[in-house]
Amino acid sequence: MLHHDLSRARLSRRALLQVAAAGAAATALPRAAAARRAEAPSFPKPSYVNTNGIRMAVYEAGAGVPVVFSHGFPELAYSWRHQLPALAGAGFHAIAPDQRGYGNTQRPVEIEAYGIRDLCDDLVGMLDAKGIDKAVFCGHDWGGGVVWNMALLHPKRVLGVIGVNTAFGPPAPGPPIELLRRMRGDDNYVVAFQTPGVAEAVLEADVRKVFVMLLRRGMWDAEEFAKLPPDDPQRKFQLLELLKAPVDEALLPGEPLLNEEELQVFVSTFERTGFAGGINWYRNIDRNWRAMRNLDYHIEQPCLYVGAEDDIVLPPSSANGLERIAPKVEKVTIPDCGHWTQQEKPAELNRILIDWLRKTFA
C-alpha cells in the first residue's frame, strides 16, 4: 500500500488487544463464508516480454483502445481480475502486467533497480514489445504513483491517466521518509520498510496471515478513525507490529475480501517470490523525490480520479487541488468502500471506468 494505513480502522482498542492476545494461528476461511463468494473470475494466461532489462509477465484481454492496469502493494496483476473481462467486453484492450519485483515478472536484487523511472520505463518497453503507440494508464495504490508519473516522464505514450485511490501532487518540501519519521515514528511501516530484511522477515513468516488480515472489506470507517488521538498506534500505521501478534480470525473486523481460490493465488505467489521486490519500491521513495522534484508538474491529458469513501489515508480529499496539475481531471467517489477498490467494489469501479473511457476515447 502507498502511504496507507494497514491497521484496522474499525477495530476498537479493546478488540485490538483481544486480537493480540488470541493464541490461535490464522486458519482457513470458514466454509460458509467462502461459499458466499462467487467463484474467482477466469484470468488469462500471461505472455512474456523483454522490457528495460527484465522479463515481464503480461495478462491481457480484448481489443480496442489499450488500457494498462498498474497494481499496488501487496498485489499482483491478478488484482485486476474483475476489470480485464469487463473492459474487454466493453470494447477495450485491457492489459495488466505483474510489475517489476512481483509475481511472474523478474525481481532484480539491487534496491536501486526499483526507482520510479525504471518502473515507468518498464511500461514503455512493454508497449513497444506489444506494438502499442499510446495507452490509457490506470493505477491503484503504488500503481497510481506509477501512472501519474508516466504522464510526466513519457507524455507522448499516454492517452490518459486514471488514479484509483491514489491522487497526485507536487513533491514534498523535503525528503519524504524523514518527514514521515518525524510525523509517525520509526515503527510506521513505510519507515520500517527502509531497513533491508526487517519487513521481509515479518511478512514472510506467515504469508497467509498477511492476506487474511489485510484484504478485507468493511474494515474501514473514516469517521471513527478520525476520532483516534494522534498518538494512537493505529494512527501511526504500525503494520509490522500488528502482523507479529497472534491472530484469531473470528476477531478480525469486516469480512474476507477473497474467496479461498483467490486467496490461494496471492498466498502461493508471495510464498514463492517473497515480498522484497515490492518493498524495494518503498526503499526508493527518497531517491524518487530527488529525481522528480524539479520536473514540471503539469498533465495535459484527460484524467480520472476515483476515490473511495473509507480509504483513511488516501481519502478523496487527497485529490483536492489536483486540478492545478491536471486541469482536465474528473473526480468520482465510491461510497462505503475501503482501500482495495478494484477488488472490493468491482462492479461500481468497472461502470465508472467504462463510462469515462467511452466518453473520452470513443
Protein backbone atom coordinates (compact mmCIF):
# COMPACT_ATOMS: atom_id res chain seq x y z
CA MET A 1 0.00 0.00 0.00
CA LEU A 2 1.15 3.52 -0.80
CA HIS A 3 1.42 5.64 2.37
CA HIS A 4 -1.66 3.89 3.56
CA ASP A 5 -2.97 2.75 6.93
CA LEU A 6 -2.75 -1.03 7.07
CA SER A 7 -4.10 -1.18 10.57
CA ARG A 8 -7.76 -1.83 11.13
CA ALA A 9 -9.76 1.35 11.48
CA ARG A 10 -12.96 -0.28 12.66
CA LEU A 11 -11.15 -2.34 15.24
CA SER A 12 -11.61 -0.77 18.65
CA ARG A 13 -8.72 -0.66 21.08
CA ARG A 14 -10.31 -3.39 23.15
CA ALA A 15 -10.73 -5.58 20.09
CA LEU A 16 -7.16 -4.86 19.08
CA LEU A 17 -5.96 -6.16 22.45
CA GLN A 18 -8.14 -9.22 22.04
CA VAL A 19 -6.60 -9.92 18.65
CA ALA A 20 -3.09 -9.52 20.02
CA ALA A 21 -3.84 -11.83 22.94
CA ALA A 22 -5.50 -14.52 20.87
CA GLY A 23 -3.35 -17.61 20.68
CA ALA A 24 -4.89 -19.21 17.63
CA ALA A 25 -2.93 -19.02 14.41
CA ALA A 26 -4.65 -17.88 11.22
CA THR A 27 -6.86 -20.64 9.84
CA ALA A 28 -8.63 -21.30 6.54
CA LEU A 29 -11.64 -19.17 5.66
CA PRO A 30 -14.86 -20.59 7.10
CA ARG A 31 -16.60 -22.74 4.54
CA ALA A 32 -19.83 -20.81 4.85
CA ALA A 33 -18.06 -17.52 4.17
CA ALA A 34 -16.22 -18.98 1.22
CA ALA A 35 -19.44 -20.41 -0.15
CA ARG A 36 -20.99 -16.95 -0.20
CA ARG A 37 -18.29 -15.74 -2.54
CA ALA A 38 -18.67 -16.04 -6.26
CA GLU A 39 -16.07 -18.14 -7.99
CA ALA A 40 -12.92 -16.28 -8.94
CA PRO A 41 -13.25 -14.88 -12.46
CA SER A 42 -11.14 -16.54 -15.07
CA PHE A 43 -7.81 -14.84 -15.63
CA PRO A 44 -5.84 -15.03 -18.86
CA LYS A 45 -2.55 -16.82 -19.17
CA PRO A 46 0.45 -14.50 -19.35
CA SER A 47 2.57 -13.65 -22.30
CA TYR A 48 6.14 -12.55 -21.67
CA VAL A 49 8.02 -9.55 -23.00
CA ASN A 50 11.55 -8.30 -22.55
CA THR A 51 11.49 -4.72 -21.35
CA ASN A 52 14.05 -2.42 -19.76
CA GLY A 53 16.34 -5.30 -18.82
CA ILE A 54 13.72 -7.60 -17.26
CA ARG A 55 11.30 -10.29 -18.41
CA MET A 56 7.76 -9.17 -17.66
CA ALA A 57 4.58 -11.24 -17.42
CA VAL A 58 1.63 -9.55 -19.13
CA TYR A 59 -2.03 -10.54 -18.92
CA GLU A 60 -4.44 -9.12 -21.48
CA ALA A 61 -7.91 -9.40 -22.94
CA GLY A 62 -9.94 -7.72 -25.64
CA ALA A 63 -9.14 -5.31 -28.46
CA GLY A 64 -9.53 -1.59 -28.98
CA VAL A 65 -8.11 1.39 -27.13
CA PRO A 66 -5.40 -0.05 -24.84
CA VAL A 67 -5.80 0.40 -21.09
CA VAL A 68 -2.81 -0.59 -18.94
CA PHE A 69 -3.52 -1.51 -15.32
CA SER A 70 -0.81 -0.93 -12.72
CA HIS A 71 -1.20 -2.69 -9.36
CA GLY A 72 -0.10 -1.69 -5.85
CA PHE A 73 1.37 -3.40 -2.77
CA PRO A 74 0.99 -6.20 -1.89
CA GLU A 75 -0.88 -7.01 -5.05
CA LEU A 76 -0.45 -8.58 -8.48
CA ALA A 77 -1.81 -8.22 -11.99
CA TYR A 78 -4.42 -10.66 -10.65
CA SER A 79 -5.80 -7.82 -8.53
CA TRP A 80 -7.37 -6.53 -11.78
CA ARG A 81 -9.12 -9.86 -12.47
CA HIS A 82 -12.56 -8.16 -12.38
CA GLN A 83 -11.54 -5.34 -14.70
CA LEU A 84 -9.91 -7.23 -17.59
CA PRO A 85 -13.02 -9.13 -18.73
CA ALA A 86 -15.30 -6.15 -18.12
CA LEU A 87 -13.23 -3.77 -20.23
CA ALA A 88 -12.63 -6.37 -22.91
CA GLY A 89 -16.38 -6.88 -23.12
CA ALA A 90 -16.85 -3.13 -23.48
CA GLY A 91 -14.51 -2.94 -26.48
CA PHE A 92 -11.17 -2.07 -24.89
CA HIS A 93 -7.77 -3.79 -24.88
CA ALA A 94 -7.15 -4.44 -21.17
CA ILE A 95 -3.53 -5.08 -20.19
CA ALA A 96 -2.24 -5.89 -16.68
CA PRO A 97 1.43 -6.73 -16.04
CA ASP A 98 2.95 -8.24 -12.95
CA GLN A 99 5.24 -5.31 -12.32
CA ARG A 100 8.94 -5.34 -11.54
CA GLY A 101 9.54 -7.42 -8.41
CA TYR A 102 6.14 -9.15 -8.43
CA GLY A 103 4.61 -12.44 -9.48
CA ASN A 104 5.89 -13.93 -12.72
CA THR A 105 7.97 -10.88 -13.61
CA GLN A 106 11.67 -10.78 -12.81
CA ARG A 107 12.85 -9.43 -9.47
CA PRO A 108 16.22 -7.64 -9.60
CA VAL A 109 18.25 -7.91 -6.40
CA GLU A 110 19.52 -4.32 -6.32
CA ILE A 111 17.33 -1.90 -4.36
CA GLU A 112 18.23 0.89 -6.79
CA ALA A 113 16.60 -1.09 -9.62
CA TYR A 114 13.13 -0.14 -8.33
CA GLY A 115 13.13 3.62 -8.84
CA ILE A 116 10.19 5.38 -10.45
CA ARG A 117 12.00 5.91 -13.75
CA ASP A 118 12.64 2.16 -14.05
CA LEU A 119 9.03 1.36 -13.19
CA CYS A 120 7.78 3.74 -15.88
CA ASP A 121 10.37 2.60 -18.42
CA ASP A 122 9.17 -0.97 -17.87
CA LEU A 123 5.72 0.02 -19.10
CA VAL A 124 7.11 1.89 -22.10
CA GLY A 125 9.13 -1.17 -23.09
CA MET A 126 6.04 -3.32 -22.66
CA LEU A 127 4.12 -1.06 -25.08
CA ASP A 128 7.00 -1.29 -27.55
CA ALA A 129 7.04 -5.08 -27.33
CA LYS A 130 3.29 -5.18 -27.96
CA GLY A 131 3.45 -2.71 -30.84
CA ILE A 132 1.34 -0.14 -28.98
CA ASP A 133 1.99 3.56 -29.51
CA LYS A 134 -0.15 5.07 -26.74
CA ALA A 135 -2.36 3.79 -23.93
CA VAL A 136 -4.57 4.91 -21.09
CA PHE A 137 -2.83 4.10 -17.79
CA CYS A 138 -4.89 3.12 -14.74
CA GLY A 139 -3.17 2.59 -11.41
CA HIS A 140 -4.14 1.73 -7.85
CA ASP A 141 -2.09 2.47 -4.71
CA TRP A 142 1.62 2.38 -5.68
CA GLY A 143 0.48 1.72 -9.25
CA GLY A 144 -1.28 5.06 -9.14
CA GLY A 145 2.04 6.71 -8.44
CA VAL A 146 3.48 4.97 -11.49
CA VAL A 147 0.74 6.01 -13.90
CA TRP A 148 0.67 9.65 -12.80
CA ASN A 149 4.42 9.81 -13.30
CA MET A 150 4.07 8.18 -16.73
CA ALA A 151 2.37 11.40 -17.81
CA LEU A 152 5.38 13.43 -16.63
CA LEU A 153 8.15 11.15 -17.89
CA HIS A 154 6.60 9.74 -21.08
CA PRO A 155 3.72 12.06 -22.06
CA LYS A 156 3.84 11.05 -25.74
CA ARG A 157 2.91 7.47 -24.77
CA VAL A 158 -0.03 8.45 -22.56
CA LEU A 159 -3.58 8.92 -23.82
CA GLY A 160 -4.99 9.48 -20.35
CA VAL A 161 -4.46 8.70 -16.67
CA ILE A 162 -6.77 7.07 -14.13
CA GLY A 163 -5.83 7.14 -10.46
CA VAL A 164 -7.76 4.67 -8.30
CA ASN A 165 -7.46 5.85 -4.67
CA THR A 166 -4.10 7.46 -5.46
CA ALA A 167 -4.13 11.18 -6.23
CA PHE A 168 -1.15 13.24 -7.35
CA GLY A 169 0.54 16.37 -6.15
CA PRO A 170 3.75 18.38 -6.21
CA PRO A 171 6.83 16.96 -4.49
CA ALA A 172 7.16 17.15 -0.71
CA PRO A 173 9.14 20.06 0.77
CA GLY A 174 11.83 17.67 1.97
CA PRO A 175 12.90 14.01 1.84
CA PRO A 176 9.61 12.15 2.43
CA ILE A 177 10.94 9.40 4.70
CA GLU A 178 12.39 11.88 7.17
CA LEU A 179 9.14 13.84 7.17
CA LEU A 180 7.18 10.64 7.77
CA ARG A 181 9.54 9.57 10.56
CA ARG A 182 9.01 12.87 12.36
CA MET A 183 5.25 12.62 11.98
CA ARG A 184 4.64 8.93 12.78
CA GLY A 185 7.82 7.50 14.25
CA ASP A 186 10.22 4.69 13.45
CA ASP A 187 7.55 1.99 13.75
CA ASN A 188 5.46 3.39 10.94
CA TYR A 189 5.52 0.67 8.33
CA VAL A 190 6.90 2.83 5.50
CA VAL A 191 9.77 3.96 7.73
CA ALA A 192 10.35 0.42 8.99
CA PHE A 193 10.41 -0.86 5.40
CA GLN A 194 13.58 1.15 4.73
CA THR A 195 15.89 -1.34 6.50
CA PRO A 196 16.53 -4.34 4.23
CA GLY A 197 15.36 -7.65 5.62
CA VAL A 198 13.25 -6.35 8.50
CA ALA A 199 9.87 -6.24 6.79
CA GLU A 200 10.61 -9.34 4.73
CA ALA A 201 11.13 -11.38 7.89
CA VAL A 202 7.78 -10.34 9.33
CA LEU A 203 5.71 -10.64 6.16
CA GLU A 204 7.22 -13.93 5.03
CA ALA A 205 6.87 -15.61 8.42
CA ASP A 206 3.18 -16.29 7.64
CA VAL A 207 2.14 -15.17 4.17
CA ARG A 208 -1.42 -16.40 4.54
CA LYS A 209 -1.84 -14.30 7.68
CA VAL A 210 -0.79 -11.17 5.77
CA PHE A 211 -3.56 -11.52 3.22
CA VAL A 212 -6.21 -12.76 5.64
CA MET A 213 -5.62 -9.70 7.82
CA LEU A 214 -5.24 -7.07 5.13
CA LEU A 215 -7.53 -7.97 2.23
CA ARG A 216 -10.89 -7.43 3.89
CA ARG A 217 -14.00 -5.40 3.17
CA GLY A 218 -15.91 -3.40 5.75
CA MET A 219 -12.78 -2.82 7.83
CA TRP A 220 -12.53 0.92 7.14
CA ASP A 221 -14.51 3.65 8.84
CA ALA A 222 -13.14 7.10 8.12
CA GLU A 223 -15.27 8.87 10.75
CA GLU A 224 -14.24 6.51 13.55
CA PHE A 225 -10.59 6.65 12.54
CA ALA A 226 -10.65 10.44 12.61
CA LYS A 227 -11.64 10.33 16.29
CA LEU A 228 -8.49 8.46 17.35
CA PRO A 229 -5.85 10.60 19.10
CA PRO A 230 -2.78 11.45 17.02
CA ASP A 231 -0.51 9.22 19.14
CA ASP A 232 -2.71 6.14 18.82
CA PRO A 233 -0.71 3.19 17.37
CA GLN A 234 -3.35 2.76 14.70
CA ARG A 235 -2.81 6.35 13.56
CA LYS A 236 0.91 5.61 13.27
CA PHE A 237 0.27 2.69 10.89
CA GLN A 238 2.42 0.15 12.70
CA LEU A 239 1.73 -2.71 10.30
CA LEU A 240 4.70 -4.88 11.21
CA GLU A 241 3.86 -4.81 14.91
CA LEU A 242 0.28 -5.83 14.15
CA LEU A 243 1.44 -8.70 11.97
CA LYS A 244 3.74 -10.04 14.68
CA ALA A 245 0.82 -10.61 17.06
CA PRO A 246 -1.10 -13.92 17.06
CA VAL A 247 -4.48 -13.56 15.35
CA ASP A 248 -7.86 -15.17 15.75
CA GLU A 249 -9.77 -14.61 12.52
CA ALA A 250 -13.05 -14.50 14.42
CA LEU A 251 -11.94 -11.21 16.00
CA LEU A 252 -10.94 -9.51 12.78
CA PRO A 253 -13.24 -6.70 11.63
CA GLY A 254 -15.22 -6.76 8.43
CA GLU A 255 -15.24 -9.83 6.25
CA PRO A 256 -12.75 -11.52 3.92
CA LEU A 257 -12.45 -9.84 0.55
CA LEU A 258 -11.24 -13.00 -1.21
CA ASN A 259 -12.71 -16.44 -1.58
CA GLU A 260 -10.43 -19.38 -0.92
CA GLU A 261 -9.39 -19.74 -4.55
CA GLU A 262 -8.48 -16.06 -4.85
CA LEU A 263 -6.68 -16.06 -1.52
CA GLN A 264 -4.56 -19.00 -2.60
CA VAL A 265 -3.39 -17.14 -5.71
CA PHE A 266 -1.88 -14.39 -3.56
CA VAL A 267 -0.54 -16.72 -0.88
CA SER A 268 1.11 -19.22 -3.20
CA THR A 269 2.61 -16.45 -5.33
CA PHE A 270 4.15 -14.50 -2.45
CA GLU A 271 5.33 -17.68 -0.75
CA ARG A 272 7.29 -18.33 -3.94
CA THR A 273 8.55 -14.79 -4.60
CA GLY A 274 8.74 -13.23 -1.18
CA PHE A 275 8.00 -9.53 -0.61
CA ALA A 276 11.41 -7.93 -1.22
CA GLY A 277 10.62 -6.76 -4.74
CA GLY A 278 7.54 -4.82 -3.72
CA ILE A 279 9.16 -3.47 -0.56
CA ASN A 280 12.05 -2.15 -2.63
CA TRP A 281 9.62 0.28 -4.26
CA TYR A 282 9.32 1.91 -0.80
CA ARG A 283 13.10 1.98 -0.40
CA ASN A 284 13.31 4.32 -3.40
CA ILE A 285 10.88 6.94 -2.10
CA ASP A 286 13.56 9.47 -1.22
CA ARG A 287 15.54 8.66 -4.37
CA ASN A 288 12.39 9.24 -6.43
CA TRP A 289 11.84 12.54 -4.67
CA ARG A 290 15.31 13.72 -5.62
CA ALA A 291 14.90 12.53 -9.21
CA MET A 292 11.47 14.08 -9.79
CA ARG A 293 11.30 17.23 -7.67
CA ASN A 294 12.46 19.61 -10.41
CA LEU A 295 10.09 18.43 -13.13
CA ASP A 296 7.19 20.48 -14.44
CA TYR A 297 4.19 19.01 -12.62
CA HIS A 298 1.58 19.55 -15.30
CA ILE A 299 -0.50 16.93 -17.11
CA GLU A 300 -2.32 17.87 -20.32
CA GLN A 301 -4.06 14.54 -20.95
CA PRO A 302 -7.60 13.81 -19.74
CA CYS A 303 -7.55 12.25 -16.29
CA LEU A 304 -9.93 10.48 -13.92
CA TYR A 305 -9.58 10.20 -10.16
CA VAL A 306 -11.67 7.55 -8.41
CA GLY A 307 -11.73 7.93 -4.65
CA ALA A 308 -13.00 5.52 -2.01
CA GLU A 309 -15.02 6.96 0.85
CA ASP A 310 -13.42 4.86 3.59
CA ASP A 311 -9.80 4.79 2.47
CA ILE A 312 -8.49 6.53 5.56
CA VAL A 313 -5.04 7.56 4.35
CA LEU A 314 -5.73 8.01 0.64
CA PRO A 315 -9.14 9.66 1.10
CA PRO A 316 -10.96 11.53 -1.63
CA SER A 317 -9.78 14.76 -0.02
CA SER A 318 -6.23 13.84 -1.03
CA ALA A 319 -7.24 14.83 -4.57
CA ASN A 320 -8.06 18.39 -3.52
CA GLY A 321 -6.11 20.70 -5.81
CA LEU A 322 -5.41 18.01 -8.39
CA GLU A 323 -6.94 20.33 -10.97
CA ARG A 324 -3.91 22.60 -10.71
CA ILE A 325 -1.71 19.79 -12.04
CA ALA A 326 -4.24 18.03 -14.26
CA PRO A 327 -6.80 20.61 -15.44
CA LYS A 328 -8.72 18.00 -17.45
CA VAL A 329 -9.42 15.77 -14.46
CA GLU A 330 -12.79 14.36 -13.44
CA LYS A 331 -13.43 13.03 -9.94
CA VAL A 332 -15.74 10.31 -8.67
CA THR A 333 -16.09 8.86 -5.17
CA ILE A 334 -17.32 5.32 -4.47
CA PRO A 335 -19.26 5.24 -1.18
CA ASP A 336 -18.82 2.59 1.52
CA CYS A 337 -15.53 1.43 0.02
CA GLY A 338 -12.11 0.94 1.57
CA HIS A 339 -8.65 0.76 0.07
CA TRP A 340 -8.93 -2.33 -2.17
CA THR A 341 -11.35 -0.63 -4.55
CA GLN A 342 -10.98 -2.74 -7.70
CA GLN A 343 -11.49 -5.92 -5.65
CA GLU A 344 -13.95 -4.56 -3.09
CA LYS A 345 -16.34 -2.71 -5.42
CA PRO A 346 -15.54 -4.14 -8.87
CA ALA A 347 -18.95 -3.55 -10.45
CA GLU A 348 -19.01 0.09 -9.38
CA LEU A 349 -15.45 0.73 -10.50
CA ASN A 350 -15.96 -1.05 -13.82
CA ARG A 351 -19.00 1.09 -14.57
CA ILE A 352 -17.09 4.29 -13.77
CA LEU A 353 -14.10 3.25 -15.87
CA ILE A 354 -16.12 2.16 -18.88
CA ASP A 355 -18.36 5.24 -18.83
CA TRP A 356 -15.36 7.59 -18.70
CA LEU A 357 -13.35 5.67 -21.29
CA ARG A 358 -16.26 5.59 -23.74
CA LYS A 359 -17.00 9.27 -23.23
CA THR A 360 -13.34 10.30 -23.52
CA PHE A 361 -11.94 7.93 -26.13
CA ALA A 362 -14.93 6.83 -28.19
